[in-house]
PDB file of N, CA and C in Angstrom:
ATOM      1  N   MET A   1      16.683   3.218 -62.667  1.00  0.00           N
ATOM      2  CA  MET A   1      17.479   2.353 -63.536  1.00  0.00           C
ATOM      3  C   MET A   1      16.540   1.572 -64.457  1.00  0.00           C
ATOM      4  N   ASN A   2      16.958   1.464 -65.679  1.00  0.00           N
ATOM      5  CA  ASN A   2      16.210   0.723 -66.690  1.00  0.00           C
ATOM      6  C   ASN A   2      16.179  -0.770 -66.316  1.00  0.00           C
ATOM      7  N   PRO A   3      14.988  -1.382 -66.276  1.00  0.00           N
ATOM      8  CA  PRO A   3      14.902  -2.802 -65.899  1.00  0.00           C
ATOM      9  C   PRO A   3      15.703  -3.713 -66.836  1.00  0.00           C
ATOM     10  N   ASN A   4      15.797  -3.348 -68.116  1.00  0.00           N
ATOM     11  CA  ASN A   4      16.604  -4.142 -69.046  1.00  0.00           C
ATOM     12  C   ASN A   4      18.073  -4.101 -68.656  1.00  0.00           C
ATOM     13  N   ASN A   5      18.527  -2.940 -68.175  1.00  0.00           N
ATOM     14  CA  ASN A   5      19.915  -2.816 -67.731  1.00  0.00           C
ATOM     15  C   ASN A   5      20.174  -3.748 -66.558  1.00  0.00           C
ATOM     16  N   THR A   6      19.237  -3.786 -65.610  1.00  0.00           N
ATOM     17  CA  THR A   6      19.400  -4.641 -64.435  1.00  0.00           C
ATOM     18  C   THR A   6      19.564  -6.094 -64.857  1.00  0.00           C
ATOM     19  N   ARG A   7      18.803  -6.511 -65.849  1.00  0.00           N
ATOM     20  CA  ARG A   7      18.893  -7.881 -66.353  1.00  0.00           C
ATOM     21  C   ARG A   7      20.298  -8.144 -66.908  1.00  0.00           C
ATOM     22  N   VAL A   8      20.833  -7.184 -67.643  1.00  0.00           N
ATOM     23  CA  VAL A   8      22.186  -7.319 -68.200  1.00  0.00           C
ATOM     24  C   VAL A   8      23.211  -7.400 -67.073  1.00  0.00           C
ATOM     25  N   TYR A   9      23.076  -6.543 -66.067  1.00  0.00           N
ATOM     26  CA  TYR A   9      24.056  -6.500 -64.974  1.00  0.00           C
ATOM     27  C   TYR A   9      24.111  -7.807 -64.203  1.00  0.00           C
ATOM     28  N   ARG A  10      22.981  -8.504 -64.127  1.00  0.00           N
ATOM     29  CA  ARG A  10      22.904  -9.751 -63.364  1.00  0.00           C
ATOM     30  C   ARG A  10      23.396 -10.954 -64.168  1.00  0.00           C
ATOM     31  N   MET A  11      23.540 -10.785 -65.478  1.00  0.00           N
ATOM     32  CA  MET A  11      24.032 -11.881 -66.320  1.00  0.00           C
ATOM     33  C   MET A  11      25.481 -12.166 -65.957  1.00  0.00           C
ATOM     34  N   SER A  12      25.850 -13.430 -65.958  1.00  0.00           N
ATOM     35  CA  SER A  12      27.241 -13.749 -65.658  1.00  0.00           C
ATOM     36  C   SER A  12      28.086 -13.479 -66.899  1.00  0.00           C
ATOM     37  N   PHE A  13      29.279 -12.954 -66.644  1.00  0.00           N
ATOM     38  CA  PHE A  13      30.212 -12.739 -67.749  1.00  0.00           C
ATOM     39  C   PHE A  13      30.465 -14.068 -68.464  1.00  0.00           C
ATOM     40  N   ALA A  14      30.561 -15.152 -67.687  1.00  0.00           N
ATOM     41  CA  ALA A  14      30.837 -16.483 -68.250  1.00  0.00           C
ATOM     42  C   ALA A  14      29.767 -16.912 -69.262  1.00  0.00           C
ATOM     43  N   SER A  15      28.531 -16.444 -69.081  1.00  0.00           N
ATOM     44  CA  SER A  15      27.462 -16.843 -70.001  1.00  0.00           C
ATOM     45  C   SER A  15      27.550 -16.092 -71.332  1.00  0.00           C
ATOM     46  N   VAL A  16      28.218 -14.947 -71.347  1.00  0.00           N
ATOM     47  CA  VAL A  16      28.304 -14.130 -72.553  1.00  0.00           C
ATOM     48  C   VAL A  16      29.644 -14.341 -73.276  1.00  0.00           C
ATOM     49  N   TYR A  17      30.676 -14.661 -72.522  1.00  0.00           N
ATOM     50  CA  TYR A  17      32.021 -14.850 -73.072  1.00  0.00           C
ATOM     51  C   TYR A  17      32.050 -15.788 -74.287  1.00  0.00           C
ATOM     52  N   PRO A  18      31.369 -16.950 -74.253  1.00  0.00           N
ATOM     53  CA  PRO A  18      31.393 -17.829 -75.438  1.00  0.00           C
ATOM     54  C   PRO A  18      30.811 -17.153 -76.686  1.00  0.00           C
ATOM     55  N   HIS A  19      29.874 -16.224 -76.498  1.00  0.00           N
ATOM     56  CA  HIS A  19      29.302 -15.493 -77.636  1.00  0.00           C
ATOM     57  C   HIS A  19      30.325 -14.530 -78.227  1.00  0.00           C
ATOM     58  N   TYR A  20      31.125 -13.890 -77.360  1.00  0.00           N
ATOM     59  CA  TYR A  20      32.213 -13.036 -77.849  1.00  0.00           C
ATOM     60  C   TYR A  20      33.190 -13.869 -78.679  1.00  0.00           C
ATOM     61  N   LEU A  21      33.551 -15.043 -78.152  1.00  0.00           N
ATOM     62  CA  LEU A  21      34.488 -15.924 -78.864  1.00  0.00           C
ATOM     63  C   LEU A  21      33.910 -16.370 -80.203  1.00  0.00           C
ATOM     64  N   ALA A  22      32.654 -16.788 -80.190  1.00  0.00           N
ATOM     65  CA  ALA A  22      32.018 -17.279 -81.421  1.00  0.00           C
ATOM     66  C   ALA A  22      31.958 -16.178 -82.474  1.00  0.00           C
ATOM     67  N   LYS A  23      31.615 -14.971 -82.052  1.00  0.00           N
ATOM     68  CA  LYS A  23      31.512 -13.853 -82.993  1.00  0.00           C
ATOM     69  C   LYS A  23      32.870 -13.583 -83.650  1.00  0.00           C
ATOM     70  N   ALA A  24      33.921 -13.600 -82.846  1.00  0.00           N
ATOM     71  CA  ALA A  24      35.267 -13.344 -83.360  1.00  0.00           C
ATOM     72  C   ALA A  24      35.756 -14.497 -84.239  1.00  0.00           C
ATOM     73  N   GLU A  25      35.591 -15.729 -83.746  1.00  0.00           N
ATOM     74  CA  GLU A  25      36.117 -16.890 -84.456  1.00  0.00           C
ATOM     75  C   GLU A  25      35.404 -17.124 -85.782  1.00  0.00           C
ATOM     76  N   LYS A  26      34.122 -16.764 -85.835  1.00  0.00           N
ATOM     77  CA  LYS A  26      33.348 -16.890 -87.074  1.00  0.00           C
ATOM     78  C   LYS A  26      33.965 -16.016 -88.172  1.00  0.00           C
ATOM     79  N   LYS A  27      34.643 -14.944 -87.759  1.00  0.00           N
ATOM     80  CA  LYS A  27      35.268 -14.018 -88.708  1.00  0.00           C
ATOM     81  C   LYS A  27      36.777 -14.233 -88.811  1.00  0.00           C
ATOM     82  N   GLY A  28      37.245 -15.395 -88.316  1.00  0.00           N
ATOM     83  CA  GLY A  28      38.648 -15.729 -88.462  1.00  0.00           C
ATOM     84  C   GLY A  28      39.575 -15.106 -87.420  1.00  0.00           C
ATOM     85  N   ARG A  29      39.006 -14.550 -86.364  1.00  0.00           N
ATOM     86  CA  ARG A  29      39.828 -13.999 -85.281  1.00  0.00           C
ATOM     87  C   ARG A  29      39.968 -15.055 -84.186  1.00  0.00           C
ATOM     88  N   THR A  30      40.805 -14.782 -83.190  1.00  0.00           N
ATOM     89  CA  THR A  30      41.157 -15.821 -82.226  1.00  0.00           C
ATOM     90  C   THR A  30      40.711 -15.501 -80.804  1.00  0.00           C
ATOM     91  N   LYS A  31      40.671 -16.558 -79.984  1.00  0.00           N
ATOM     92  CA  LYS A  31      40.400 -16.406 -78.552  1.00  0.00           C
ATOM     93  C   LYS A  31      41.459 -15.499 -77.935  1.00  0.00           C
ATOM     94  N   ALA A  32      42.710 -15.645 -78.352  1.00  0.00           N
ATOM     95  CA  ALA A  32      43.797 -14.809 -77.815  1.00  0.00           C
ATOM     96  C   ALA A  32      43.514 -13.329 -78.065  1.00  0.00           C
ATOM     97  N   GLU A  33      42.962 -13.004 -79.228  1.00  0.00           N
ATOM     98  CA  GLU A  33      42.643 -11.599 -79.531  1.00  0.00           C
ATOM     99  C   GLU A  33      41.478 -11.107 -78.671  1.00  0.00           C
ATOM    100  N   VAL A  34      40.463 -11.952 -78.503  1.00  0.00           N
ATOM    101  CA  VAL A  34      39.337 -11.593 -77.634  1.00  0.00           C
ATOM    102  C   VAL A  34      39.855 -11.332 -76.220  1.00  0.00           C
ATOM    103  N   ASP A  35      40.684 -12.250 -75.727  1.00  0.00           N
ATOM    104  CA  ASP A  35      41.226 -12.099 -74.372  1.00  0.00           C
ATOM    105  C   ASP A  35      42.084 -10.841 -74.262  1.00  0.00           C
ATOM    106  N   GLU A  36      42.890 -10.559 -75.279  1.00  0.00           N
ATOM    107  CA  GLU A  36      43.731  -9.353 -75.261  1.00  0.00           C
ATOM    108  C   GLU A  36      42.876  -8.095 -75.137  1.00  0.00           C
ATOM    109  N   ILE A  37      41.754  -8.062 -75.834  1.00  0.00           N
ATOM    110  CA  ILE A  37      40.820  -6.928 -75.740  1.00  0.00           C
ATOM    111  C   ILE A  37      40.274  -6.811 -74.323  1.00  0.00           C
ATOM    112  N   ILE A  38      39.873  -7.940 -73.754  1.00  0.00           N
ATOM    113  CA  ILE A  38      39.319  -7.934 -72.390  1.00  0.00           C
ATOM    114  C   ILE A  38      40.394  -7.484 -71.392  1.00  0.00           C
ATOM    115  N   PHE A  39      41.623  -7.986 -71.565  1.00  0.00           N
ATOM    116  CA  PHE A  39      42.723  -7.582 -70.667  1.00  0.00           C
ATOM    117  C   PHE A  39      42.962  -6.079 -70.778  1.00  0.00           C
ATOM    118  N   TRP A  40      42.995  -5.563 -72.012  1.00  0.00           N
ATOM    119  CA  TRP A  40      43.236  -4.135 -72.236  1.00  0.00           C
ATOM    120  C   TRP A  40      42.147  -3.292 -71.571  1.00  0.00           C
ATOM    121  N   LEU A  41      40.898  -3.679 -71.795  1.00  0.00           N
ATOM    122  CA  LEU A  41      39.773  -2.897 -71.282  1.00  0.00           C
ATOM    123  C   LEU A  41      39.700  -2.936 -69.759  1.00  0.00           C
ATOM    124  N   THR A  42      39.890  -4.117 -69.174  1.00  0.00           N
ATOM    125  CA  THR A  42      39.589  -4.319 -67.750  1.00  0.00           C
ATOM    126  C   THR A  42      40.798  -4.325 -66.828  1.00  0.00           C
ATOM    127  N   GLY A  43      41.985  -4.535 -67.385  1.00  0.00           N
ATOM    128  CA  GLY A  43      43.172  -4.682 -66.546  1.00  0.00           C
ATOM    129  C   GLY A  43      43.332  -6.093 -65.995  1.00  0.00           C
ATOM    130  N   TYR A  44      42.430  -7.003 -66.363  1.00  0.00           N
ATOM    131  CA  TYR A  44      42.554  -8.389 -65.916  1.00  0.00           C
ATOM    132  C   TYR A  44      43.678  -9.072 -66.687  1.00  0.00           C
ATOM    133  N   ASN A  45      44.115 -10.222 -66.170  1.00  0.00           N
ATOM    134  CA  ASN A  45      45.062 -11.063 -66.893  1.00  0.00           C
ATOM    135  C   ASN A  45      44.399 -12.440 -67.063  1.00  0.00           C
ATOM    136  N   ALA A  46      45.137 -13.391 -67.619  1.00  0.00           N
ATOM    137  CA  ALA A  46      44.544 -14.703 -67.893  1.00  0.00           C
ATOM    138  C   ALA A  46      43.990 -15.343 -66.614  1.00  0.00           C
ATOM    139  N   GLU A  47      44.723 -15.209 -65.527  1.00  0.00           N
ATOM    140  CA  GLU A  47      44.308 -15.826 -64.265  1.00  0.00           C
ATOM    141  C   GLU A  47      43.048 -15.165 -63.698  1.00  0.00           C
ATOM    142  N   THR A  48      43.038 -13.840 -63.643  1.00  0.00           N
ATOM    143  CA  THR A  48      41.873 -13.156 -63.058  1.00  0.00           C
ATOM    144  C   THR A  48      40.640 -13.294 -63.955  1.00  0.00           C
ATOM    145  N   LEU A  49      40.849 -13.289 -65.268  1.00  0.00           N
ATOM    146  CA  LEU A  49      39.715 -13.500 -66.180  1.00  0.00           C
ATOM    147  C   LEU A  49      39.123 -14.893 -65.951  1.00  0.00           C
ATOM    148  N   GLN A  50      39.977 -15.895 -65.844  1.00  0.00           N
ATOM    149  CA  GLN A  50      39.492 -17.259 -65.632  1.00  0.00           C
ATOM    150  C   GLN A  50      38.742 -17.370 -64.301  1.00  0.00           C
ATOM    151  N   GLN A  51      39.211 -16.669 -63.278  1.00  0.00           N
ATOM    152  CA  GLN A  51      38.511 -16.684 -61.985  1.00  0.00           C
ATOM    153  C   GLN A  51      37.094 -16.128 -62.143  1.00  0.00           C
ATOM    154  N   HIS A  52      36.948 -15.042 -62.903  1.00  0.00           N
ATOM    155  CA  HIS A  52      35.613 -14.468 -63.113  1.00  0.00           C
ATOM    156  C   HIS A  52      34.720 -15.432 -63.884  1.00  0.00           C
ATOM    157  N   ILE A  53      35.302 -16.146 -64.843  1.00  0.00           N
ATOM    158  CA  ILE A  53      34.530 -17.130 -65.601  1.00  0.00           C
ATOM    159  C   ILE A  53      34.124 -18.287 -64.678  1.00  0.00           C
ATOM    160  N   ASP A  54      35.079 -18.810 -63.919  1.00  0.00           N
ATOM    161  CA  ASP A  54      34.800 -19.937 -63.012  1.00  0.00           C
ATOM    162  C   ASP A  54      33.779 -19.565 -61.939  1.00  0.00           C
ATOM    163  N   ASN A  55      33.865 -18.336 -61.440  1.00  0.00           N
ATOM    164  CA  ASN A  55      32.961 -17.878 -60.371  1.00  0.00           C
ATOM    165  C   ASN A  55      31.625 -17.374 -60.898  1.00  0.00           C
ATOM    166  N   LYS A  56      31.483 -17.351 -62.231  1.00  0.00           N
ATOM    167  CA  LYS A  56      30.256 -16.845 -62.863  1.00  0.00           C
ATOM    168  C   LYS A  56      29.905 -15.435 -62.356  1.00  0.00           C
ATOM    169  N   THR A  57      30.936 -14.602 -62.287  1.00  0.00           N
ATOM    170  CA  THR A  57      30.777 -13.209 -61.856  1.00  0.00           C
ATOM    171  C   THR A  57      29.789 -12.500 -62.772  1.00  0.00           C
ATOM    172  N   ASP A  58      28.850 -11.758 -62.184  1.00  0.00           N
ATOM    173  CA  ASP A  58      27.918 -11.003 -63.028  1.00  0.00           C
ATOM    174  C   ASP A  58      28.629  -9.759 -63.574  1.00  0.00           C
ATOM    175  N   PHE A  59      28.024  -9.151 -64.607  1.00  0.00           N
ATOM    176  CA  PHE A  59      28.649  -7.995 -65.255  1.00  0.00           C
ATOM    177  C   PHE A  59      28.880  -6.851 -64.276  1.00  0.00           C
ATOM    178  N   GLU A  60      27.952  -6.659 -63.353  1.00  0.00           N
ATOM    179  CA  GLU A  60      28.095  -5.559 -62.390  1.00  0.00           C
ATOM    180  C   GLU A  60      29.400  -5.705 -61.605  1.00  0.00           C
ATOM    181  N   ASN A  61      29.658  -6.879 -61.076  1.00  0.00           N
ATOM    182  CA  ASN A  61      30.881  -7.112 -60.303  1.00  0.00           C
ATOM    183  C   ASN A  61      32.110  -7.264 -61.189  1.00  0.00           C
ATOM    184  N   PHE A  62      31.917  -7.796 -62.384  1.00  0.00           N
ATOM    185  CA  PHE A  62      33.020  -7.932 -63.342  1.00  0.00           C
ATOM    186  C   PHE A  62      33.636  -6.558 -63.608  1.00  0.00           C
ATOM    187  N   PHE A  63      32.784  -5.565 -63.842  1.00  0.00           N
ATOM    188  CA  PHE A  63      33.301  -4.218 -64.124  1.00  0.00           C
ATOM    189  C   PHE A  63      33.638  -3.456 -62.849  1.00  0.00           C
ATOM    190  N   ALA A  64      32.964  -3.751 -61.744  1.00  0.00           N
ATOM    191  CA  ALA A  64      33.282  -3.077 -60.477  1.00  0.00           C
ATOM    192  C   ALA A  64      34.704  -3.413 -60.036  1.00  0.00           C
ATOM    193  N   GLN A  65      35.175  -4.615 -60.347  1.00  0.00           N
ATOM    194  CA  GLN A  65      36.509  -5.052 -59.939  1.00  0.00           C
ATOM    195  C   GLN A  65      37.578  -4.742 -60.982  1.00  0.00           C
ATOM    196  N   ALA A  66      37.163  -4.238 -62.130  1.00  0.00           N
ATOM    197  CA  ALA A  66      38.108  -3.954 -63.217  1.00  0.00           C
ATOM    198  C   ALA A  66      38.810  -2.612 -62.994  1.00  0.00           C
ATOM    199  N   GLN A  67      39.989  -2.505 -63.572  1.00  0.00           N
ATOM    200  CA  GLN A  67      40.711  -1.230 -63.644  1.00  0.00           C
ATOM    201  C   GLN A  67      40.651  -0.807 -65.115  1.00  0.00           C
ATOM    202  N   LEU A  68      39.649   0.010 -65.460  1.00  0.00           N
ATOM    203  CA  LEU A  68      39.463   0.350 -66.869  1.00  0.00           C
ATOM    204  C   LEU A  68      40.669   1.102 -67.423  1.00  0.00           C
ATOM    205  N   HIS A  69      40.974   0.801 -68.675  1.00  0.00           N
ATOM    206  CA  HIS A  69      42.098   1.427 -69.365  1.00  0.00           C
ATOM    207  C   HIS A  69      41.866   2.937 -69.465  1.00  0.00           C
ATOM    208  N   PRO A  70      42.927   3.729 -69.298  1.00  0.00           N
ATOM    209  CA  PRO A  70      42.762   5.193 -69.376  1.00  0.00           C
ATOM    210  C   PRO A  70      42.236   5.688 -70.729  1.00  0.00           C
ATOM    211  N   ASN A  71      42.392   4.896 -71.787  1.00  0.00           N
ATOM    212  CA  ASN A  71      41.953   5.326 -73.111  1.00  0.00           C
ATOM    213  C   ASN A  71      40.531   4.909 -73.472  1.00  0.00           C
ATOM    214  N   VAL A  72      39.744   4.459 -72.492  1.00  0.00           N
ATOM    215  CA  VAL A  72      38.372   4.026 -72.840  1.00  0.00           C
ATOM    216  C   VAL A  72      37.564   5.160 -73.447  1.00  0.00           C
ATOM    217  N   SER A  73      37.885   6.391 -73.101  1.00  0.00           N
ATOM    218  CA  SER A  73      37.135   7.515 -73.672  1.00  0.00           C
ATOM    219  C   SER A  73      37.333   7.636 -75.185  1.00  0.00           C
ATOM    220  N   LYS A  74      38.339   6.950 -75.714  1.00  0.00           N
ATOM    221  CA  LYS A  74      38.572   6.961 -77.169  1.00  0.00           C
ATOM    222  C   LYS A  74      37.687   5.944 -77.890  1.00  0.00           C
ATOM    223  N   ILE A  75      36.939   5.142 -77.126  1.00  0.00           N
ATOM    224  CA  ILE A  75      36.013   4.178 -77.741  1.00  0.00           C
ATOM    225  C   ILE A  75      34.742   4.948 -78.069  1.00  0.00           C
ATOM    226  N   THR A  76      34.503   5.114 -79.356  1.00  0.00           N
ATOM    227  CA  THR A  76      33.324   5.865 -79.794  1.00  0.00           C
ATOM    228  C   THR A  76      32.632   5.091 -80.909  1.00  0.00           C
ATOM    229  N   GLY A  77      31.412   5.511 -81.212  1.00  0.00           N
ATOM    230  CA  GLY A  77      30.671   4.886 -82.287  1.00  0.00           C
ATOM    231  C   GLY A  77      29.388   4.256 -81.780  1.00  0.00           C
ATOM    232  N   VAL A  78      28.703   3.579 -82.688  1.00  0.00           N
ATOM    233  CA  VAL A  78      27.378   3.042 -82.396  1.00  0.00           C
ATOM    234  C   VAL A  78      27.462   1.538 -82.163  1.00  0.00           C
ATOM    235  N   ILE A  79      26.803   1.092 -81.092  1.00  0.00           N
ATOM    236  CA  ILE A  79      26.645  -0.337 -80.830  1.00  0.00           C
ATOM    237  C   ILE A  79      25.221  -0.542 -80.314  1.00  0.00           C
ATOM    238  N   CYS A  80      24.523  -1.507 -80.856  1.00  0.00           N
ATOM    239  CA  CYS A  80      23.133  -1.790 -80.463  1.00  0.00           C
ATOM    240  C   CYS A  80      22.258  -0.532 -80.564  1.00  0.00           C
ATOM    241  N   GLY A  81      22.554   0.306 -81.532  1.00  0.00           N
ATOM    242  CA  GLY A  81      21.737   1.491 -81.773  1.00  0.00           C
ATOM    243  C   GLY A  81      22.040   2.678 -80.878  1.00  0.00           C
ATOM    244  N   TYR A  82      23.054   2.582 -80.041  1.00  0.00           N
ATOM    245  CA  TYR A  82      23.411   3.681 -79.141  1.00  0.00           C
ATOM    246  C   TYR A  82      24.844   4.123 -79.388  1.00  0.00           C
ATOM    247  N   ARG A  83      25.095   5.419 -79.296  1.00  0.00           N
ATOM    248  CA  ARG A  83      26.466   5.924 -79.343  1.00  0.00           C
ATOM    249  C   ARG A  83      27.095   5.645 -77.981  1.00  0.00           C
ATOM    250  N   VAL A  84      28.169   4.856 -77.953  1.00  0.00           N
ATOM    251  CA  VAL A  84      28.744   4.444 -76.666  1.00  0.00           C
ATOM    252  C   VAL A  84      29.195   5.641 -75.835  1.00  0.00           C
ATOM    253  N   GLU A  85      29.687   6.682 -76.488  1.00  0.00           N
ATOM    254  CA  GLU A  85      30.174   7.837 -75.723  1.00  0.00           C
ATOM    255  C   GLU A  85      29.043   8.634 -75.078  1.00  0.00           C
ATOM    256  N   ASP A  86      27.802   8.405 -75.509  1.00  0.00           N
ATOM    257  CA  ASP A  86      26.651   9.145 -74.970  1.00  0.00           C
ATOM    258  C   ASP A  86      25.839   8.365 -73.933  1.00  0.00           C
ATOM    259  N   ILE A  87      26.213   7.115 -73.656  1.00  0.00           N
ATOM    260  CA  ILE A  87      25.467   6.306 -72.689  1.00  0.00           C
ATOM    261  C   ILE A  87      25.751   6.852 -71.292  1.00  0.00           C
ATOM    262  N   GLU A  88      24.693   7.273 -70.598  1.00  0.00           N
ATOM    263  CA  GLU A  88      24.867   7.933 -69.302  1.00  0.00           C
ATOM    264  C   GLU A  88      25.093   6.950 -68.157  1.00  0.00           C
ATOM    265  N   ASP A  89      24.489   5.778 -68.238  1.00  0.00           N
ATOM    266  CA  ASP A  89      24.658   4.761 -67.201  1.00  0.00           C
ATOM    267  C   ASP A  89      26.070   4.182 -67.359  1.00  0.00           C
ATOM    268  N   LYS A  90      26.940   4.457 -66.394  1.00  0.00           N
ATOM    269  CA  LYS A  90      28.365   4.088 -66.495  1.00  0.00           C
ATOM    270  C   LYS A  90      28.565   2.586 -66.692  1.00  0.00           C
ATOM    271  N   LEU A  91      27.821   1.769 -65.953  1.00  0.00           N
ATOM    272  CA  LEU A  91      27.997   0.327 -66.084  1.00  0.00           C
ATOM    273  C   LEU A  91      27.558  -0.150 -67.465  1.00  0.00           C
ATOM    274  N   MET A  92      26.420   0.333 -67.940  1.00  0.00           N
ATOM    275  CA  MET A  92      25.969  -0.053 -69.279  1.00  0.00           C
ATOM    276  C   MET A  92      26.977   0.419 -70.322  1.00  0.00           C
ATOM    277  N   GLN A  93      27.553   1.586 -70.106  1.00  0.00           N
ATOM    278  CA  GLN A  93      28.563   2.085 -71.035  1.00  0.00           C
ATOM    279  C   GLN A  93      29.766   1.127 -71.073  1.00  0.00           C
ATOM    280  N   GLN A  94      30.177   0.633 -69.926  1.00  0.00           N
ATOM    281  CA  GLN A  94      31.311  -0.289 -69.867  1.00  0.00           C
ATOM    282  C   GLN A  94      30.997  -1.602 -70.580  1.00  0.00           C
ATOM    283  N   VAL A  95      29.781  -2.112 -70.381  1.00  0.00           N
ATOM    284  CA  VAL A  95      29.357  -3.330 -71.084  1.00  0.00           C
ATOM    285  C   VAL A  95      29.389  -3.080 -72.591  1.00  0.00           C
ATOM    286  N   ARG A  96      28.887  -1.932 -73.012  1.00  0.00           N
ATOM    287  CA  ARG A  96      28.852  -1.601 -74.448  1.00  0.00           C
ATOM    288  C   ARG A  96      30.243  -1.335 -75.010  1.00  0.00           C
ATOM    289  N   TYR A  97      31.161  -0.818 -74.196  1.00  0.00           N
ATOM    290  CA  TYR A  97      32.559  -0.692 -74.645  1.00  0.00           C
ATOM    291  C   TYR A  97      33.068  -2.061 -75.082  1.00  0.00           C
ATOM    292  N   LEU A  98      32.844  -3.062 -74.248  1.00  0.00           N
ATOM    293  CA  LEU A  98      33.312  -4.406 -74.571  1.00  0.00           C
ATOM    294  C   LEU A  98      32.623  -4.920 -75.832  1.00  0.00           C
ATOM    295  N   ASP A  99      31.312  -4.720 -75.936  1.00  0.00           N
ATOM    296  CA  ASP A  99      30.577  -5.126 -77.147  1.00  0.00           C
ATOM    297  C   ASP A  99      31.188  -4.469 -78.381  1.00  0.00           C
ATOM    298  N   LYS A 100      31.470  -3.181 -78.271  1.00  0.00           N
ATOM    299  CA  LYS A 100      32.004  -2.407 -79.397  1.00  0.00           C
ATOM    300  C   LYS A 100      33.376  -2.928 -79.822  1.00  0.00           C
ATOM    301  N   LEU A 101      34.236  -3.206 -78.850  1.00  0.00           N
ATOM    302  CA  LEU A 101      35.578  -3.687 -79.181  1.00  0.00           C
ATOM    303  C   LEU A 101      35.529  -5.062 -79.844  1.00  0.00           C
ATOM    304  N   ILE A 102      34.666  -5.947 -79.350  1.00  0.00           N
ATOM    305  CA  ILE A 102      34.522  -7.280 -79.953  1.00  0.00           C
ATOM    306  C   ILE A 102      33.942  -7.145 -81.364  1.00  0.00           C
ATOM    307  N   ASP A 103      33.007  -6.224 -81.543  1.00  0.00           N
ATOM    308  CA  ASP A 103      32.424  -5.953 -82.850  1.00  0.00           C
ATOM    309  C   ASP A 103      33.499  -5.487 -83.833  1.00  0.00           C
ATOM    310  N   GLU A 104      34.368  -4.590 -83.384  1.00  0.00           N
ATOM    311  CA  GLU A 104      35.449  -4.103 -84.245  1.00  0.00           C
ATOM    312  C   GLU A 104      36.388  -5.244 -84.627  1.00  0.00           C
ATOM    313  N   LEU A 105      36.668  -6.134 -83.681  1.00  0.00           N
ATOM    314  CA  LEU A 105      37.512  -7.296 -83.960  1.00  0.00           C
ATOM    315  C   LEU A 105      36.867  -8.151 -85.052  1.00  0.00           C
ATOM    316  N   ALA A 106      35.584  -8.431 -84.894  1.00  0.00           N
ATOM    317  CA  ALA A 106      34.856  -9.266 -85.859  1.00  0.00           C
ATOM    318  C   ALA A 106      34.781  -8.599 -87.234  1.00  0.00           C
ATOM    319  N   LYS A 107      34.835  -7.273 -87.254  1.00  0.00           N
ATOM    320  CA  LYS A 107      34.779  -6.555 -88.538  1.00  0.00           C
ATOM    321  C   LYS A 107      36.150  -6.451 -89.197  1.00  0.00           C
ATOM    322  N   GLY A 108      37.169  -7.043 -88.552  1.00  0.00           N
ATOM    323  CA  GLY A 108      38.478  -7.104 -89.187  1.00  0.00           C
ATOM    324  C   GLY A 108      39.415  -5.946 -88.887  1.00  0.00           C
ATOM    325  N   LYS A 109      39.057  -5.116 -87.930  1.00  0.00           N
ATOM    326  CA  LYS A 109      39.921  -3.997 -87.572  1.00  0.00           C
ATOM    327  C   LYS A 109      41.242  -4.505 -86.996  1.00  0.00           C
ATOM    328  N   ALA A 110      42.306  -3.771 -87.232  1.00  0.00           N
ATOM    329  CA  ALA A 110      43.626  -4.143 -86.695  1.00  0.00           C
ATOM    330  C   ALA A 110      43.621  -3.965 -85.175  1.00  0.00           C
ATOM    331  N   MET A 111      44.347  -4.849 -84.488  1.00  0.00           N
ATOM    332  CA  MET A 111      44.382  -4.809 -83.011  1.00  0.00           C
ATOM    333  C   MET A 111      44.868  -3.465 -82.485  1.00  0.00           C
ATOM    334  N   GLU A 112      45.880  -2.865 -83.120  1.00  0.00           N
ATOM    335  CA  GLU A 112      46.374  -1.584 -82.572  1.00  0.00           C
ATOM    336  C   GLU A 112      45.312  -0.483 -82.658  1.00  0.00           C
ATOM    337  N   LYS A 113      44.438  -0.577 -83.647  1.00  0.00           N
ATOM    338  CA  LYS A 113      43.322   0.387 -83.723  1.00  0.00           C
ATOM    339  C   LYS A 113      42.277   0.084 -82.661  1.00  0.00           C
ATOM    340  N   ILE A 114      41.953  -1.205 -82.493  1.00  0.00           N
ATOM    341  CA  ILE A 114      40.958  -1.620 -81.497  1.00  0.00           C
ATOM    342  C   ILE A 114      41.419  -1.193 -80.108  1.00  0.00           C
ATOM    343  N   LEU A 115      42.718  -1.361 -79.833  1.00  0.00           N
ATOM    344  CA  LEU A 115      43.272  -1.052 -78.509  1.00  0.00           C
ATOM    345  C   LEU A 115      43.661   0.421 -78.378  1.00  0.00           C
ATOM    346  N   ARG A 116      43.215   1.235 -79.342  1.00  0.00           N
ATOM    347  CA  ARG A 116      43.367   2.694 -79.280  1.00  0.00           C
ATOM    348  C   ARG A 116      44.804   3.115 -79.021  1.00  0.00           C
ATOM    349  N   LYS A 117      45.714   2.508 -79.794  1.00  0.00           N
ATOM    350  CA  LYS A 117      47.139   2.841 -79.641  1.00  0.00           C
ATOM    351  C   LYS A 117      47.516   3.981 -80.560  1.00  0.00           C
TER     352      LYS A 117
END
């Protein structure tokens, strides 16, 4: 396993969540939209997401407890210089799925496109 990946997996979701919000809000998007993306991707709801934030769940456990949406395979494209569909490490791929969806939100994409409807 790549040591950089291990560092990412140990990071708490709560420490990164404000960055997702800031990125979206800077572009005129809302916390509700960020949360909707997270709910769609992970199967969490407002209560379970808040529990992960309060418990400072690391990314490894955040995704281990998630029920990923059946359409995640439709998330394609480049994020951080990597094609998300080609990332072999499943956990890193899941982290990058979330990065990609938040990036699309910040770029002004419509929610139905982001949520692969």
